[in-house]
Amino acid sequence: MADETKQHEKENPESSSRRKFIKNSGFVLGGLAVGGILGNLLPAKDQDSNDPPPQEENETAESFTMALMYFTPEQYKIVEAATERIFPADDNGPGAKDLGVAFFIDHQLNGSWGLNAREYMQAPFFKGENVQGYQGRLNRREIFDIGLREMQNYSMTKYNKGFVELSEEDQDTILKDFEEDNVKLTTISASGFFKLLRGSTLEGAYCDPLYSGNRNMAGWKMRKYPGSQMAYTEIIEKGFEEIPPQSLRSHLGSHS
């Protein structure tokens, strides 16, 4: 059957090109949906070629999942602006915006993390101690939805402008008011939302680029972190030395 397929493709190069296009662009093949985030995170390997996947000498590990999966465009812009103030660009390197942190948070909310799927979420609910963390019925998706809406409402009340339209100083004031619980909310804790937003920002800045943040591994480079190295056997006897970081994506070709 394989020989017949190859003979057909040889005689019909257009058919071969179309098959490879469908395979690499994430359409449904054989009843398996490989599009969306998984289709992009795990690029299809061409089984008709014995050549290794092309790699640049210094692979940049760009994100291939720059598409919204949960946020509305308005929510995304608020998150992008807020995370940039939490993790701003400076002389040391890029900030949250250039690192793709808002996309990281969006994609995490679209999965099990956003639904608290792996956590116990049954009543009764009591206000926990600080060391216990969040104790409540709302999942992270709902907390973000409410928190972003309340940030926008508070911004309109305080400055008569949306959060994205504010100056950086005024955005900092809004975030500080949330951090210090100066904003009184009935459904969620303002400081609790800020902690969740800040924690997600740092995770997005330093995650593996495979998860849509830490674009071009720039977060790792700022910290001189080697990333997802498979082994150190080649350099372990040479003493300490700085090595360029690697993303999980660089290992997919040889372990798929």
C-alpha atoms as a PDB file:
ATOM      1  CA  MET A   1       0.000   0.000   0.000  1.00  0.00           C
ATOM      2  CA  ALA A   2       2.847   2.355   0.855  1.00  0.00           C
ATOM      3  CA  ASP A   3       4.506   1.657  -2.510  1.00  0.00           C
ATOM      4  CA  GLU A   4       1.239   2.423  -4.316  1.00  0.00           C
ATOM      5  CA  THR A   5       0.878   5.697  -2.388  1.00  0.00           C
ATOM      6  CA  LYS A   6       4.417   6.790  -3.255  1.00  0.00           C
ATOM      7  CA  GLN A   7       3.899   5.873  -6.921  1.00  0.00           C
ATOM      8  CA  HIS A   8       0.663   7.891  -6.923  1.00  0.00           C
ATOM      9  CA  GLU A   9       2.435  10.901  -5.394  1.00  0.00           C
ATOM     10  CA  LYS A  10       5.272  10.604  -7.909  1.00  0.00           C
ATOM     11  CA  GLU A  11       2.799  10.704 -10.772  1.00  0.00           C
ATOM     12  CA  ASN A  12       0.676  13.391  -9.062  1.00  0.00           C
ATOM     13  CA  PRO A  13       3.013  15.855  -7.316  1.00  0.00           C
ATOM     14  CA  GLU A  14       0.109  18.233  -6.654  1.00  0.00           C
ATOM     15  CA  SER A  15      -1.637  15.543  -4.607  1.00  0.00           C
ATOM     16  CA  SER A  16       1.554  14.954  -2.620  1.00  0.00           C
ATOM     17  CA  SER A  17       1.936  18.655  -1.826  1.00  0.00           C
ATOM     18  CA  ARG A  18      -1.699  18.882  -0.728  1.00  0.00           C
ATOM     19  CA  ARG A  19      -1.296  15.871   1.570  1.00  0.00           C
ATOM     20  CA  LYS A  20       1.761  17.368   3.234  1.00  0.00           C
ATOM     21  CA  PHE A  21      -0.009  20.730   3.618  1.00  0.00           C
ATOM     22  CA  ILE A  22      -2.992  19.133   5.352  1.00  0.00           C
ATOM     23  CA  LYS A  23      -0.697  17.094   7.578  1.00  0.00           C
ATOM     24  CA  ASN A  24       1.356  20.074   8.695  1.00  0.00           C
ATOM     25  CA  SER A  25      -1.513  22.548   9.108  1.00  0.00           C
ATOM     26  CA  GLY A  26      -3.428  20.653  11.767  1.00  0.00           C
ATOM     27  CA  PHE A  27      -6.497  19.269  10.010  1.00  0.00           C
ATOM     28  CA  VAL A  28      -8.230  16.087  11.121  1.00  0.00           C
ATOM     29  CA  LEU A  29      -6.408  13.020   9.892  1.00  0.00           C
ATOM     30  CA  GLY A  30      -7.586   9.477  10.528  1.00  0.00           C
ATOM     31  CA  GLY A  31     -10.153  10.696  13.038  1.00  0.00           C
ATOM     32  CA  LEU A  32      -7.496  12.420  15.221  1.00  0.00           C
ATOM     33  CA  ALA A  33      -7.777  16.161  15.639  1.00  0.00           C
ATOM     34  CA  VAL A  34      -4.227  17.477  15.657  1.00  0.00           C
ATOM     35  CA  GLY A  35      -5.033  21.152  15.247  1.00  0.00           C
ATOM     36  CA  GLY A  36      -5.256  23.769  17.966  1.00  0.00           C
ATOM     37  CA  ILE A  37      -2.653  23.979  20.687  1.00  0.00           C
ATOM     38  CA  LEU A  38      -1.475  20.356  20.458  1.00  0.00           C
ATOM     39  CA  GLY A  39      -1.130  20.523  16.700  1.00  0.00           C
ATOM     40  CA  ASN A  40       1.010  23.617  17.060  1.00  0.00           C
ATOM     41  CA  LEU A  41       3.022  22.501  20.067  1.00  0.00           C
ATOM     42  CA  LEU A  42       3.929  19.210  18.446  1.00  0.00           C
ATOM     43  CA  PRO A  43       4.735  19.956  14.804  1.00  0.00           C
ATOM     44  CA  ALA A  44       4.147  17.010  12.508  1.00  0.00           C
ATOM     45  CA  LYS A  45       7.229  15.101  11.441  1.00  0.00           C
ATOM     46  CA  ASP A  46       7.345  14.227   7.765  1.00  0.00           C
ATOM     47  CA  GLN A  47       7.483  10.423   7.721  1.00  0.00           C
ATOM     48  CA  ASP A  48       8.442  10.435   4.030  1.00  0.00           C
ATOM     49  CA  SER A  49      11.782  12.065   4.775  1.00  0.00           C
ATOM     50  CA  ASN A  50      14.776  10.692   6.631  1.00  0.00           C
ATOM     51  CA  ASP A  51      16.242  14.155   7.024  1.00  0.00           C
ATOM     52  CA  PRO A  52      16.349  15.531  10.602  1.00  0.00           C
ATOM     53  CA  PRO A  53      14.172  18.592  11.334  1.00  0.00           C
ATOM     54  CA  PRO A  54      15.985  21.792  10.309  1.00  0.00           C
ATOM     55  CA  GLN A  55      17.547  23.674  13.220  1.00  0.00           C
ATOM     56  CA  GLU A  56      19.399  26.939  13.305  1.00  0.00           C
ATOM     57  CA  GLU A  57      22.760  27.037  15.023  1.00  0.00           C
ATOM     58  CA  ASN A  58      21.203  29.053  17.852  1.00  0.00           C
ATOM     59  CA  GLU A  59      17.571  28.017  17.881  1.00  0.00           C
ATOM     60  CA  THR A  60      15.307  30.825  19.040  1.00  0.00           C
ATOM     61  CA  ALA A  61      12.361  28.584  19.991  1.00  0.00           C
ATOM     62  CA  GLU A  62       9.725  30.993  18.766  1.00  0.00           C
ATOM     63  CA  SER A  63       6.174  30.366  19.941  1.00  0.00           C
ATOM     64  CA  PHE A  64       3.915  28.767  17.370  1.00  0.00           C
ATOM     65  CA  THR A  65       0.747  29.233  19.425  1.00  0.00           C
ATOM     66  CA  MET A  66       0.148  32.962  19.148  1.00  0.00           C
ATOM     67  CA  ALA A  67      -3.633  32.749  19.011  1.00  0.00           C
ATOM     68  CA  LEU A  68      -6.276  33.485  21.641  1.00  0.00           C
ATOM     69  CA  MET A  69      -8.040  30.456  23.072  1.00  0.00           C
ATOM     70  CA  TYR A  70     -10.006  31.877  25.999  1.00  0.00           C
ATOM     71  CA  PHE A  71      -9.752  35.658  26.441  1.00  0.00           C
ATOM     72  CA  THR A  72     -11.831  38.122  24.474  1.00  0.00           C
ATOM     73  CA  PRO A  73      -9.690  40.692  22.613  1.00  0.00           C
ATOM     74  CA  GLU A  74     -10.543  43.281  25.290  1.00  0.00           C
ATOM     75  CA  GLN A  75      -9.536  40.942  28.129  1.00  0.00           C
ATOM     76  CA  TYR A  76      -6.314  40.088  26.333  1.00  0.00           C
ATOM     77  CA  LYS A  77      -5.359  43.761  26.002  1.00  0.00           C
ATOM     78  CA  ILE A  78      -5.969  44.367  29.708  1.00  0.00           C
ATOM     79  CA  VAL A  79      -3.884  41.338  30.674  1.00  0.00           C
ATOM     80  CA  GLU A  80      -1.121  42.335  28.279  1.00  0.00           C
ATOM     81  CA  ALA A  81      -0.981  45.850  29.748  1.00  0.00           C
ATOM     82  CA  ALA A  82      -1.205  44.673  33.374  1.00  0.00           C
ATOM     83  CA  THR A  83       1.450  41.985  33.053  1.00  0.00           C
ATOM     84  CA  GLU A  84       3.797  44.450  31.356  1.00  0.00           C
ATOM     85  CA  ARG A  85       3.574  46.678  34.437  1.00  0.00           C
ATOM     86  CA  ILE A  86       4.229  43.689  36.705  1.00  0.00           C
ATOM     87  CA  PHE A  87       7.158  42.515  34.552  1.00  0.00           C
ATOM     88  CA  PRO A  88       8.259  45.587  32.558  1.00  0.00           C
ATOM     89  CA  ALA A  89      10.931  45.760  29.911  1.00  0.00           C
ATOM     90  CA  ASP A  90      14.184  47.337  31.079  1.00  0.00           C
ATOM     91  CA  ASP A  91      17.895  47.333  30.355  1.00  0.00           C
ATOM     92  CA  ASN A  92      18.087  43.684  31.377  1.00  0.00           C
ATOM     93  CA  GLY A  93      15.714  42.463  28.680  1.00  0.00           C
ATOM     94  CA  PRO A  94      12.137  42.333  27.359  1.00  0.00           C
ATOM     95  CA  GLY A  95       9.006  42.631  29.449  1.00  0.00           C
ATOM     96  CA  ALA A  96       5.879  40.511  29.673  1.00  0.00           C
ATOM     97  CA  LYS A  97       4.445  41.830  26.406  1.00  0.00           C
ATOM     98  CA  ASP A  98       7.421  40.800  24.270  1.00  0.00           C
ATOM     99  CA  LEU A  99       7.715  37.514  26.163  1.00  0.00           C
ATOM    100  CA  GLY A 100       4.144  36.553  25.212  1.00  0.00           C
ATOM    101  CA  VAL A 101       2.971  36.260  28.828  1.00  0.00           C
ATOM    102  CA  ALA A 102      -0.640  37.192  28.022  1.00  0.00           C
ATOM    103  CA  PHE A 103      -0.818  34.320  25.512  1.00  0.00           C
ATOM    104  CA  PHE A 104       0.605  31.953  28.127  1.00  0.00           C
ATOM    105  CA  ILE A 105      -2.104  32.914  30.637  1.00  0.00           C
ATOM    106  CA  ASP A 106      -4.809  32.699  27.964  1.00  0.00           C
ATOM    107  CA  HIS A 107      -3.776  29.174  26.990  1.00  0.00           C
ATOM    108  CA  GLN A 108      -3.482  28.023  30.592  1.00  0.00           C
ATOM    109  CA  LEU A 109      -6.992  29.255  31.351  1.00  0.00           C
ATOM    110  CA  ASN A 110      -8.277  27.343  28.340  1.00  0.00           C
ATOM    111  CA  GLY A 111      -7.038  24.073  29.826  1.00  0.00           C
ATOM    112  CA  SER A 112      -7.408  22.119  33.049  1.00  0.00           C
ATOM    113  CA  TRP A 113      -5.556  24.766  35.074  1.00  0.00           C
ATOM    114  CA  GLY A 114      -8.265  27.307  34.289  1.00  0.00           C
ATOM    115  CA  LEU A 115     -10.961  24.907  35.445  1.00  0.00           C
ATOM    116  CA  ASN A 116      -9.079  23.746  38.570  1.00  0.00           C
ATOM    117  CA  ALA A 117      -9.701  20.281  37.145  1.00  0.00           C
ATOM    118  CA  ARG A 118      -7.063  18.588  39.293  1.00  0.00           C
ATOM    119  CA  GLU A 119      -8.064  20.221  42.566  1.00  0.00           C
ATOM    120  CA  TYR A 120     -10.735  19.454  45.132  1.00  0.00           C
ATOM    121  CA  MET A 121     -13.508  22.018  44.583  1.00  0.00           C
ATOM    122  CA  GLN A 122     -16.416  20.715  46.675  1.00  0.00           C
ATOM    123  CA  ALA A 123     -18.213  22.475  49.538  1.00  0.00           C
ATOM    124  CA  PRO A 124     -18.129  23.453  52.334  1.00  0.00           C
ATOM    125  CA  PHE A 125     -15.964  26.507  51.692  1.00  0.00           C
ATOM    126  CA  PHE A 126     -14.268  28.456  54.465  1.00  0.00           C
ATOM    127  CA  LYS A 127     -11.860  31.346  54.377  1.00  0.00           C
ATOM    128  CA  GLY A 128      -8.495  29.690  54.769  1.00  0.00           C
ATOM    129  CA  GLU A 129      -5.333  30.861  56.456  1.00  0.00           C
ATOM    130  CA  ASN A 130      -2.710  32.623  54.376  1.00  0.00           C
ATOM    131  CA  VAL A 131      -0.590  29.466  54.306  1.00  0.00           C
ATOM    132  CA  GLN A 132      -3.516  27.472  52.889  1.00  0.00           C
ATOM    133  CA  GLY A 133      -3.993  29.526  49.775  1.00  0.00           C
ATOM    134  CA  TYR A 134      -7.289  29.954  47.966  1.00  0.00           C
ATOM    135  CA  GLN A 135     -10.353  28.267  49.458  1.00  0.00           C
ATOM    136  CA  GLY A 136     -13.455  28.898  47.342  1.00  0.00           C
ATOM    137  CA  ARG A 137     -15.935  27.727  44.760  1.00  0.00           C
ATOM    138  CA  LEU A 138     -14.740  29.844  41.814  1.00  0.00           C
ATOM    139  CA  ASN A 139     -12.272  28.376  39.336  1.00  0.00           C
ATOM    140  CA  ARG A 140      -9.423  30.383  37.845  1.00  0.00           C
ATOM    141  CA  ARG A 141     -11.355  31.199  34.682  1.00  0.00           C
ATOM    142  CA  GLU A 142     -14.111  32.782  36.743  1.00  0.00           C
ATOM    143  CA  ILE A 143     -11.638  34.639  38.956  1.00  0.00           C
ATOM    144  CA  PHE A 144      -9.909  36.120  35.903  1.00  0.00           C
ATOM    145  CA  ASP A 145     -13.215  37.059  34.288  1.00  0.00           C
ATOM    146  CA  ILE A 146     -14.370  38.861  37.429  1.00  0.00           C
ATOM    147  CA  GLY A 147     -10.982  40.375  38.226  1.00  0.00           C
ATOM    148  CA  LEU A 148     -10.456  41.848  34.761  1.00  0.00           C
ATOM    149  CA  ARG A 149     -13.984  43.239  34.707  1.00  0.00           C
ATOM    150  CA  GLU A 150     -13.495  44.840  38.122  1.00  0.00           C
ATOM    151  CA  MET A 151     -10.137  46.291  37.087  1.00  0.00           C
ATOM    152  CA  GLN A 152     -11.822  47.915  34.121  1.00  0.00           C
ATOM    153  CA  ASN A 153     -14.706  49.194  36.289  1.00  0.00           C
ATOM    154  CA  TYR A 154     -12.323  50.571  38.913  1.00  0.00           C
ATOM    155  CA  SER A 155     -10.252  52.273  36.224  1.00  0.00           C
ATOM    156  CA  MET A 156     -13.363  53.914  34.739  1.00  0.00           C
ATOM    157  CA  THR A 157     -14.515  55.057  38.190  1.00  0.00           C
ATOM    158  CA  LYS A 158     -11.137  56.423  39.276  1.00  0.00           C
ATOM    159  CA  TYR A 159      -9.861  57.907  36.004  1.00  0.00           C
ATOM    160  CA  ASN A 160     -12.822  57.819  33.606  1.00  0.00           C
ATOM    161  CA  LYS A 161     -10.665  55.748  31.246  1.00  0.00           C
ATOM    162  CA  GLY A 162     -10.242  52.070  30.490  1.00  0.00           C
ATOM    163  CA  PHE A 163      -7.190  50.375  32.005  1.00  0.00           C
ATOM    164  CA  VAL A 164      -5.372  50.068  28.671  1.00  0.00           C
ATOM    165  CA  GLU A 165      -5.791  53.810  28.035  1.00  0.00           C
ATOM    166  CA  LEU A 166      -4.155  54.841  31.325  1.00  0.00           C
ATOM    167  CA  SER A 167      -0.593  56.049  31.723  1.00  0.00           C
ATOM    168  CA  GLU A 168       1.884  53.572  33.157  1.00  0.00           C
ATOM    169  CA  GLU A 169       1.834  55.430  36.480  1.00  0.00           C
ATOM    170  CA  ASP A 170      -1.959  55.221  36.719  1.00  0.00           C
ATOM    171  CA  GLN A 171      -1.902  51.544  35.756  1.00  0.00           C
ATOM    172  CA  ASP A 172       0.559  50.970  38.593  1.00  0.00           C
ATOM    173  CA  THR A 173      -1.833  52.740  40.967  1.00  0.00           C
ATOM    174  CA  ILE A 174      -4.694  50.467  39.923  1.00  0.00           C
ATOM    175  CA  LEU A 175      -2.595  47.352  40.415  1.00  0.00           C
ATOM    176  CA  LYS A 176      -1.290  48.614  43.767  1.00  0.00           C
ATOM    177  CA  ASP A 177      -4.850  49.262  44.963  1.00  0.00           C
ATOM    178  CA  PHE A 178      -5.749  45.676  44.072  1.00  0.00           C
ATOM    179  CA  GLU A 179      -2.634  44.313  45.757  1.00  0.00           C
ATOM    180  CA  GLU A 180      -3.403  46.186  48.990  1.00  0.00           C
ATOM    181  CA  ASP A 181      -7.145  45.367  48.955  1.00  0.00           C
ATOM    182  CA  ASN A 182      -8.074  49.029  48.575  1.00  0.00           C
ATOM    183  CA  VAL A 183     -10.664  47.889  46.031  1.00  0.00           C
ATOM    184  CA  LYS A 184     -13.654  46.381  47.823  1.00  0.00           C
ATOM    185  CA  LEU A 185     -15.158  43.516  45.877  1.00  0.00           C
ATOM    186  CA  THR A 186     -17.994  41.220  46.902  1.00  0.00           C
ATOM    187  CA  THR A 187     -17.288  38.162  44.759  1.00  0.00           C
ATOM    188  CA  ILE A 188     -13.499  37.793  44.957  1.00  0.00           C
ATOM    189  CA  SER A 189     -10.571  39.154  46.924  1.00  0.00           C
ATOM    190  CA  ALA A 190      -8.846  42.004  45.073  1.00  0.00           C
ATOM    191  CA  SER A 191      -5.472  41.026  46.552  1.00  0.00           C
ATOM    192  CA  GLY A 192      -6.144  37.365  45.776  1.00  0.00           C
ATOM    193  CA  PHE A 193      -6.699  38.212  42.123  1.00  0.00           C
ATOM    194  CA  PHE A 194      -3.531  40.313  42.043  1.00  0.00           C
ATOM    195  CA  LYS A 195      -1.495  37.437  43.498  1.00  0.00           C
ATOM    196  CA  LEU A 196      -2.914  35.080  40.881  1.00  0.00           C
ATOM    197  CA  LEU A 197      -2.127  37.555  38.099  1.00  0.00           C
ATOM    198  CA  ARG A 198       1.385  38.197  39.384  1.00  0.00           C
ATOM    199  CA  GLY A 199       2.153  34.498  39.822  1.00  0.00           C
ATOM    200  CA  SER A 200       0.891  33.737  36.313  1.00  0.00           C
ATOM    201  CA  THR A 201       2.997  36.574  34.932  1.00  0.00           C
ATOM    202  CA  LEU A 202       6.203  35.152  36.391  1.00  0.00           C
ATOM    203  CA  GLU A 203       5.317  31.656  35.211  1.00  0.00           C
ATOM    204  CA  GLY A 204       4.729  32.964  31.692  1.00  0.00           C
ATOM    205  CA  ALA A 205       8.018  34.855  31.686  1.00  0.00           C
ATOM    206  CA  TYR A 206      10.055  31.774  32.624  1.00  0.00           C
ATOM    207  CA  CYS A 207       8.089  28.809  31.231  1.00  0.00           C
ATOM    208  CA  ASP A 208       9.288  26.670  28.362  1.00  0.00           C
ATOM    209  CA  PRO A 209       8.410  28.474  25.086  1.00  0.00           C
ATOM    210  CA  LEU A 210       6.411  25.378  24.168  1.00  0.00           C
ATOM    211  CA  TYR A 211       3.678  26.801  26.423  1.00  0.00           C
ATOM    212  CA  SER A 212       3.489  30.140  24.577  1.00  0.00           C
ATOM    213  CA  GLY A 213       5.441  32.301  27.045  1.00  0.00           C
ATOM    214  CA  ASN A 214       9.147  33.083  27.420  1.00  0.00           C
ATOM    215  CA  ARG A 215       9.281  33.916  23.720  1.00  0.00           C
ATOM    216  CA  ASN A 216      12.637  33.193  22.107  1.00  0.00           C
ATOM    217  CA  MET A 217      13.778  31.918  25.531  1.00  0.00           C
ATOM    218  CA  ALA A 218      14.532  35.542  26.419  1.00  0.00           C
ATOM    219  CA  GLY A 219      13.382  35.049  30.019  1.00  0.00           C
ATOM    220  CA  TRP A 220      15.856  32.210  30.450  1.00  0.00           C
ATOM    221  CA  LYS A 221      18.630  34.178  28.788  1.00  0.00           C
ATOM    222  CA  MET A 222      18.162  37.027  31.274  1.00  0.00           C
ATOM    223  CA  ARG A 223      18.649  34.549  34.131  1.00  0.00           C
ATOM    224  CA  LYS A 224      21.366  32.575  32.331  1.00  0.00           C
ATOM    225  CA  TYR A 225      19.201  29.488  32.754  1.00  0.00           C
ATOM    226  CA  PRO A 226      20.105  26.583  30.428  1.00  0.00           C
ATOM    227  CA  GLY A 227      16.507  25.504  29.885  1.00  0.00           C
ATOM    228  CA  SER A 228      15.494  21.956  29.010  1.00  0.00           C
ATOM    229  CA  GLN A 229      18.854  20.284  28.472  1.00  0.00           C
ATOM    230  CA  MET A 230      18.631  16.536  27.931  1.00  0.00           C
ATOM    231  CA  ALA A 231      22.044  15.893  29.494  1.00  0.00           C
ATOM    232  CA  TYR A 232      25.256  17.606  30.567  1.00  0.00           C
ATOM    233  CA  THR A 233      27.632  14.721  29.871  1.00  0.00           C
ATOM    234  CA  GLU A 234      29.550  16.624  27.213  1.00  0.00           C
ATOM    235  CA  ILE A 235      30.475  19.496  29.495  1.00  0.00           C
ATOM    236  CA  ILE A 236      30.254  18.084  33.023  1.00  0.00           C
ATOM    237  CA  GLU A 237      33.975  17.295  33.170  1.00  0.00           C
ATOM    238  CA  LYS A 238      34.992  20.655  31.735  1.00  0.00           C
ATOM    239  CA  GLY A 239      33.901  22.647  34.766  1.00  0.00           C
ATOM    240  CA  PHE A 240      31.234  25.327  34.947  1.00  0.00           C
ATOM    241  CA  GLU A 241      30.518  27.205  31.760  1.00  0.00           C
ATOM    242  CA  GLU A 242      27.650  29.189  30.325  1.00  0.00           C
ATOM    243  CA  ILE A 243      25.667  27.339  27.662  1.00  0.00           C
ATOM    244  CA  PRO A 244      22.826  28.596  25.464  1.00  0.00           C
ATOM    245  CA  PRO A 245      19.345  27.512  26.607  1.00  0.00           C
ATOM    246  CA  GLN A 246      17.298  24.852  24.875  1.00  0.00           C
ATOM    247  CA  SER A 247      13.519  24.495  24.615  1.00  0.00           C
ATOM    248  CA  LEU A 248      11.614  21.221  24.774  1.00  0.00           C
ATOM    249  CA  ARG A 249      10.752  21.867  21.137  1.00  0.00           C
ATOM    250  CA  SER A 250      14.376  21.239  20.136  1.00  0.00           C
ATOM    251  CA  HIS A 251      14.050  17.645  21.377  1.00  0.00           C
ATOM    252  CA  LEU A 252      10.787  16.781  19.629  1.00  0.00           C
ATOM    253  CA  GLY A 253      12.391  15.814  16.334  1.00  0.00           C
ATOM    254  CA  SER A 254      14.573  13.068  17.791  1.00  0.00           C
ATOM    255  CA  HIS A 255      12.029  11.767  20.318  1.00  0.00           C
ATOM    256  CA  SER A 256       8.757  11.884  18.387  1.00  0.00           C
END
